[in-house]
């Protein structure tokens, strides 16, 4: 009597599982590196957009508000982001104004320092990354 058995043996299943485990061990670190670089790049782009929005707003204030030069020269350390801020009726918190213009999460903006119409320092945290900008040194990244 001929009996034909269909299916895989235990050894074949174990070999396939080992091969899948080896491939996963190779792929996971590579993908983590890609994700880290993408998060770092995203943080950089958002930090640049904050700087551009801040400088554009300060230049606009220089051009349209009498006495703005004296006021902005005094504005060194900006106010912290306020989640209850009313953008429509109050233009005094420049951090909130810039966050709206740059379209970034305001709670990620940790520090903005300006001198005249220029941003000289910015600290922006997104996810596990802190992006720091200084006028003299440019951008730097730190994994939190």
C-alpha atoms as a PDB file:
ATOM      1  CA  UNK A   1       0.000   0.000   0.000  1.00  0.00           C
ATOM      2  CA  UNK A   2       1.441   3.345  -1.056  1.00  0.00           C
ATOM      3  CA  UNK A   3       0.726   6.241   1.250  1.00  0.00           C
ATOM      4  CA  UNK A   4       1.695   9.686   0.049  1.00  0.00           C
ATOM      5  CA  UNK A   5       2.187  12.139   2.836  1.00  0.00           C
ATOM      6  CA  UNK A   6       1.719  15.828   2.078  1.00  0.00           C
ATOM      7  CA  UNK A   7       3.122  18.654   4.161  1.00  0.00           C
ATOM      8  CA  UNK A   8       6.399  19.824   5.624  1.00  0.00           C
ATOM      9  CA  UNK A   9       8.595  18.026   8.043  1.00  0.00           C
ATOM     10  CA  UNK A  10       9.541  19.646  11.334  1.00  0.00           C
ATOM     11  CA  UNK A  11      13.121  20.160  10.106  1.00  0.00           C
ATOM     12  CA  UNK A  12      11.944  22.063   7.016  1.00  0.00           C
ATOM     13  CA  UNK A  13       9.743  24.362   9.105  1.00  0.00           C
ATOM     14  CA  UNK A  14      12.596  25.073  11.542  1.00  0.00           C
ATOM     15  CA  UNK A  15      14.982  25.885   8.668  1.00  0.00           C
ATOM     16  CA  UNK A  16      12.491  28.353   7.181  1.00  0.00           C
ATOM     17  CA  UNK A  17      11.990  30.012  10.587  1.00  0.00           C
ATOM     18  CA  UNK A  18      15.765  30.334  11.047  1.00  0.00           C
ATOM     19  CA  UNK A  19      16.122  31.943   7.615  1.00  0.00           C
ATOM     20  CA  UNK A  20      13.321  34.433   8.419  1.00  0.00           C
ATOM     21  CA  UNK A  21      14.960  35.252  11.772  1.00  0.00           C
ATOM     22  CA  UNK A  22      18.334  35.908  10.097  1.00  0.00           C
ATOM     23  CA  UNK A  23      16.735  38.191   7.500  1.00  0.00           C
ATOM     24  CA  UNK A  24      14.863  40.083  10.231  1.00  0.00           C
ATOM     25  CA  UNK A  25      18.068  40.498  12.243  1.00  0.00           C
ATOM     26  CA  UNK A  26      19.684  42.108   9.207  1.00  0.00           C
ATOM     27  CA  UNK A  27      16.715  44.264   8.136  1.00  0.00           C
ATOM     28  CA  UNK A  28      15.571  45.748  11.467  1.00  0.00           C
ATOM     29  CA  UNK A  29      18.782  47.710  12.265  1.00  0.00           C
ATOM     30  CA  UNK A  30      18.945  49.001   8.688  1.00  0.00           C
ATOM     31  CA  UNK A  31      15.340  50.196   8.831  1.00  0.00           C
ATOM     32  CA  UNK A  32      15.913  51.807  12.220  1.00  0.00           C
ATOM     33  CA  UNK A  33      18.775  53.805  10.726  1.00  0.00           C
ATOM     34  CA  UNK A  34      16.572  54.971   7.868  1.00  0.00           C
ATOM     35  CA  UNK A  35      13.857  56.022  10.284  1.00  0.00           C
ATOM     36  CA  UNK A  36      16.360  57.905  12.442  1.00  0.00           C
ATOM     37  CA  UNK A  37      17.702  59.805   9.433  1.00  0.00           C
ATOM     38  CA  UNK A  38      14.160  60.610   8.279  1.00  0.00           C
ATOM     39  CA  UNK A  39      13.220  61.943  11.738  1.00  0.00           C
ATOM     40  CA  UNK A  40      16.409  63.990  11.889  1.00  0.00           C
ATOM     41  CA  UNK A  41      15.729  65.452   8.438  1.00  0.00           C
ATOM     42  CA  UNK A  42      12.113  66.225   9.354  1.00  0.00           C
ATOM     43  CA  UNK A  43      13.245  68.036  12.503  1.00  0.00           C
ATOM     44  CA  UNK A  44      15.743  70.071  10.462  1.00  0.00           C
ATOM     45  CA  UNK A  45      13.111  71.092   7.917  1.00  0.00           C
ATOM     46  CA  UNK A  46      10.681  72.196  10.627  1.00  0.00           C
ATOM     47  CA  UNK A  47      13.428  74.133  12.447  1.00  0.00           C
ATOM     48  CA  UNK A  48      14.340  75.931   9.216  1.00  0.00           C
ATOM     49  CA  UNK A  49      10.705  76.811   8.624  1.00  0.00           C
ATOM     50  CA  UNK A  50      10.490  78.299  12.140  1.00  0.00           C
ATOM     51  CA  UNK A  51      13.569  80.436  11.491  1.00  0.00           C
ATOM     52  CA  UNK A  52      12.206  81.648   8.155  1.00  0.00           C
ATOM     53  CA  UNK A  53       8.806  82.447   9.670  1.00  0.00           C
ATOM     54  CA  UNK A  54      10.367  84.268  12.622  1.00  0.00           C
ATOM     55  CA  UNK A  55      12.656  86.373  10.470  1.00  0.00           C
ATOM     56  CA  UNK A  56       9.854  87.157   8.001  1.00  0.00           C
ATOM     57  CA  UNK A  57       7.580  88.270  10.838  1.00  0.00           C
ATOM     58  CA  UNK A  58      10.307  90.412  12.410  1.00  0.00           C
ATOM     59  CA  UNK A  59      11.101  92.072   9.067  1.00  0.00           C
ATOM     60  CA  UNK A  60       7.383  92.741   8.590  1.00  0.00           C
ATOM     61  CA  UNK A  61       7.248  94.349  12.041  1.00  0.00           C
ATOM     62  CA  UNK A  62      10.324  96.434  11.262  1.00  0.00           C
ATOM     63  CA  UNK A  63       8.643  97.720   8.118  1.00  0.00           C
ATOM     64  CA  UNK A  64       5.139  98.381   9.442  1.00  0.00           C
ATOM     65  CA  UNK A  65       5.310  99.251  13.148  1.00  0.00           C
ATOM     66  CA  UNK A  66       6.638 102.616  14.303  1.00  0.00           C
ATOM     67  CA  UNK A  67       9.344 102.100  16.899  1.00  0.00           C
ATOM     68  CA  UNK A  68       9.600  98.380  16.080  1.00  0.00           C
ATOM     69  CA  UNK A  69      13.374  98.486  15.737  1.00  0.00           C
ATOM     70  CA  UNK A  70      13.776  99.552  19.350  1.00  0.00           C
ATOM     71  CA  UNK A  71      11.193  96.993  20.519  1.00  0.00           C
ATOM     72  CA  UNK A  72      12.654  94.097  18.540  1.00  0.00           C
ATOM     73  CA  UNK A  73      16.174  94.917  19.653  1.00  0.00           C
ATOM     74  CA  UNK A  74      14.925  94.355  23.213  1.00  0.00           C
ATOM     75  CA  UNK A  75      13.315  91.037  22.235  1.00  0.00           C
ATOM     76  CA  UNK A  76      16.108  88.583  22.939  1.00  0.00           C
ATOM     77  CA  UNK A  77      14.569  85.573  24.675  1.00  0.00           C
ATOM     78  CA  UNK A  78      11.100  84.971  23.268  1.00  0.00           C
ATOM     79  CA  UNK A  79       8.073  84.059  25.365  1.00  0.00           C
ATOM     80  CA  UNK A  80       7.348  80.327  25.639  1.00  0.00           C
ATOM     81  CA  UNK A  81       4.633  78.773  23.527  1.00  0.00           C
ATOM     82  CA  UNK A  82       1.144  79.152  25.027  1.00  0.00           C
ATOM     83  CA  UNK A  83      -1.395  76.497  23.895  1.00  0.00           C
ATOM     84  CA  UNK A  84      -4.303  78.754  24.996  1.00  0.00           C
ATOM     85  CA  UNK A  85      -3.115  81.633  22.852  1.00  0.00           C
ATOM     86  CA  UNK A  86      -5.724  83.565  20.822  1.00  0.00           C
ATOM     87  CA  UNK A  87      -3.911  84.309  17.555  1.00  0.00           C
ATOM     88  CA  UNK A  88      -6.802  86.294  16.076  1.00  0.00           C
ATOM     89  CA  UNK A  89      -7.035  88.851  18.893  1.00  0.00           C
ATOM     90  CA  UNK A  90      -3.527  89.010  20.343  1.00  0.00           C
ATOM     91  CA  UNK A  91      -0.301  89.401  18.388  1.00  0.00           C
ATOM     92  CA  UNK A  92       1.973  89.891  21.413  1.00  0.00           C
ATOM     93  CA  UNK A  93       3.326  86.369  21.862  1.00  0.00           C
ATOM     94  CA  UNK A  94       5.723  86.165  18.928  1.00  0.00           C
ATOM     95  CA  UNK A  95       6.453  82.469  19.515  1.00  0.00           C
ATOM     96  CA  UNK A  96       2.797  81.618  18.964  1.00  0.00           C
ATOM     97  CA  UNK A  97       2.609  83.856  15.897  1.00  0.00           C
ATOM     98  CA  UNK A  98       5.664  82.161  14.385  1.00  0.00           C
ATOM     99  CA  UNK A  99       4.374  78.663  15.194  1.00  0.00           C
ATOM    100  CA  UNK A 100       1.157  79.425  13.305  1.00  0.00           C
ATOM    101  CA  UNK A 101       3.100  80.826  10.340  1.00  0.00           C
ATOM    102  CA  UNK A 102       5.547  77.895  10.240  1.00  0.00           C
ATOM    103  CA  UNK A 103       2.756  75.333  10.748  1.00  0.00           C
ATOM    104  CA  UNK A 104       4.682  73.297  13.326  1.00  0.00           C
ATOM    105  CA  UNK A 105       3.649  71.957  16.747  1.00  0.00           C
ATOM    106  CA  UNK A 106       4.243  74.817  19.174  1.00  0.00           C
ATOM    107  CA  UNK A 107       5.071  72.630  22.150  1.00  0.00           C
ATOM    108  CA  UNK A 108       8.174  71.464  20.252  1.00  0.00           C
ATOM    109  CA  UNK A 109       9.663  74.981  20.182  1.00  0.00           C
ATOM    110  CA  UNK A 110      11.793  75.170  23.321  1.00  0.00           C
ATOM    111  CA  UNK A 111      13.753  78.377  22.778  1.00  0.00           C
ATOM    112  CA  UNK A 112      14.057  81.240  20.298  1.00  0.00           C
ATOM    113  CA  UNK A 113      16.614  83.999  20.727  1.00  0.00           C
ATOM    114  CA  UNK A 114      16.871  86.891  18.302  1.00  0.00           C
ATOM    115  CA  UNK A 115      18.983  89.928  17.733  1.00  0.00           C
ATOM    116  CA  UNK A 116      17.282  92.578  15.650  1.00  0.00           C
ATOM    117  CA  UNK A 117      15.535  90.866  12.726  1.00  0.00           C
ATOM    118  CA  UNK A 118      17.686  87.720  12.907  1.00  0.00           C
ATOM    119  CA  UNK A 119      17.220  84.491  14.812  1.00  0.00           C
ATOM    120  CA  UNK A 120      20.524  83.761  16.535  1.00  0.00           C
ATOM    121  CA  UNK A 121      19.473  80.637  18.448  1.00  0.00           C
ATOM    122  CA  UNK A 122      16.681  78.074  18.187  1.00  0.00           C
ATOM    123  CA  UNK A 123      16.050  74.865  20.125  1.00  0.00           C
ATOM    124  CA  UNK A 124      13.423  72.581  18.590  1.00  0.00           C
ATOM    125  CA  UNK A 125      12.536  69.102  19.842  1.00  0.00           C
ATOM    126  CA  UNK A 126      10.641  66.612  17.739  1.00  0.00           C
ATOM    127  CA  UNK A 127      10.191  63.045  18.859  1.00  0.00           C
ATOM    128  CA  UNK A 128      13.555  61.782  20.082  1.00  0.00           C
ATOM    129  CA  UNK A 129      15.583  64.577  18.479  1.00  0.00           C
ATOM    130  CA  UNK A 130      16.672  68.010  19.590  1.00  0.00           C
ATOM    131  CA  UNK A 131      17.662  70.325  16.762  1.00  0.00           C
ATOM    132  CA  UNK A 132      19.716  73.314  17.846  1.00  0.00           C
ATOM    133  CA  UNK A 133      20.518  76.250  15.593  1.00  0.00           C
ATOM    134  CA  UNK A 134      23.009  78.954  16.396  1.00  0.00           C
ATOM    135  CA  UNK A 135      23.932  81.700  13.976  1.00  0.00           C
ATOM    136  CA  UNK A 136      27.661  80.996  14.317  1.00  0.00           C
ATOM    137  CA  UNK A 137      27.604  77.174  14.312  1.00  0.00           C
ATOM    138  CA  UNK A 138      24.558  76.338  12.167  1.00  0.00           C
ATOM    139  CA  UNK A 139      22.457  73.255  12.924  1.00  0.00           C
ATOM    140  CA  UNK A 140      23.303  70.416  15.284  1.00  0.00           C
ATOM    141  CA  UNK A 141      21.331  67.334  16.292  1.00  0.00           C
ATOM    142  CA  UNK A 142      21.084  65.430  19.519  1.00  0.00           C
ATOM    143  CA  UNK A 143      19.219  62.209  20.136  1.00  0.00           C
ATOM    144  CA  UNK A 144      17.276  62.429  23.407  1.00  0.00           C
END
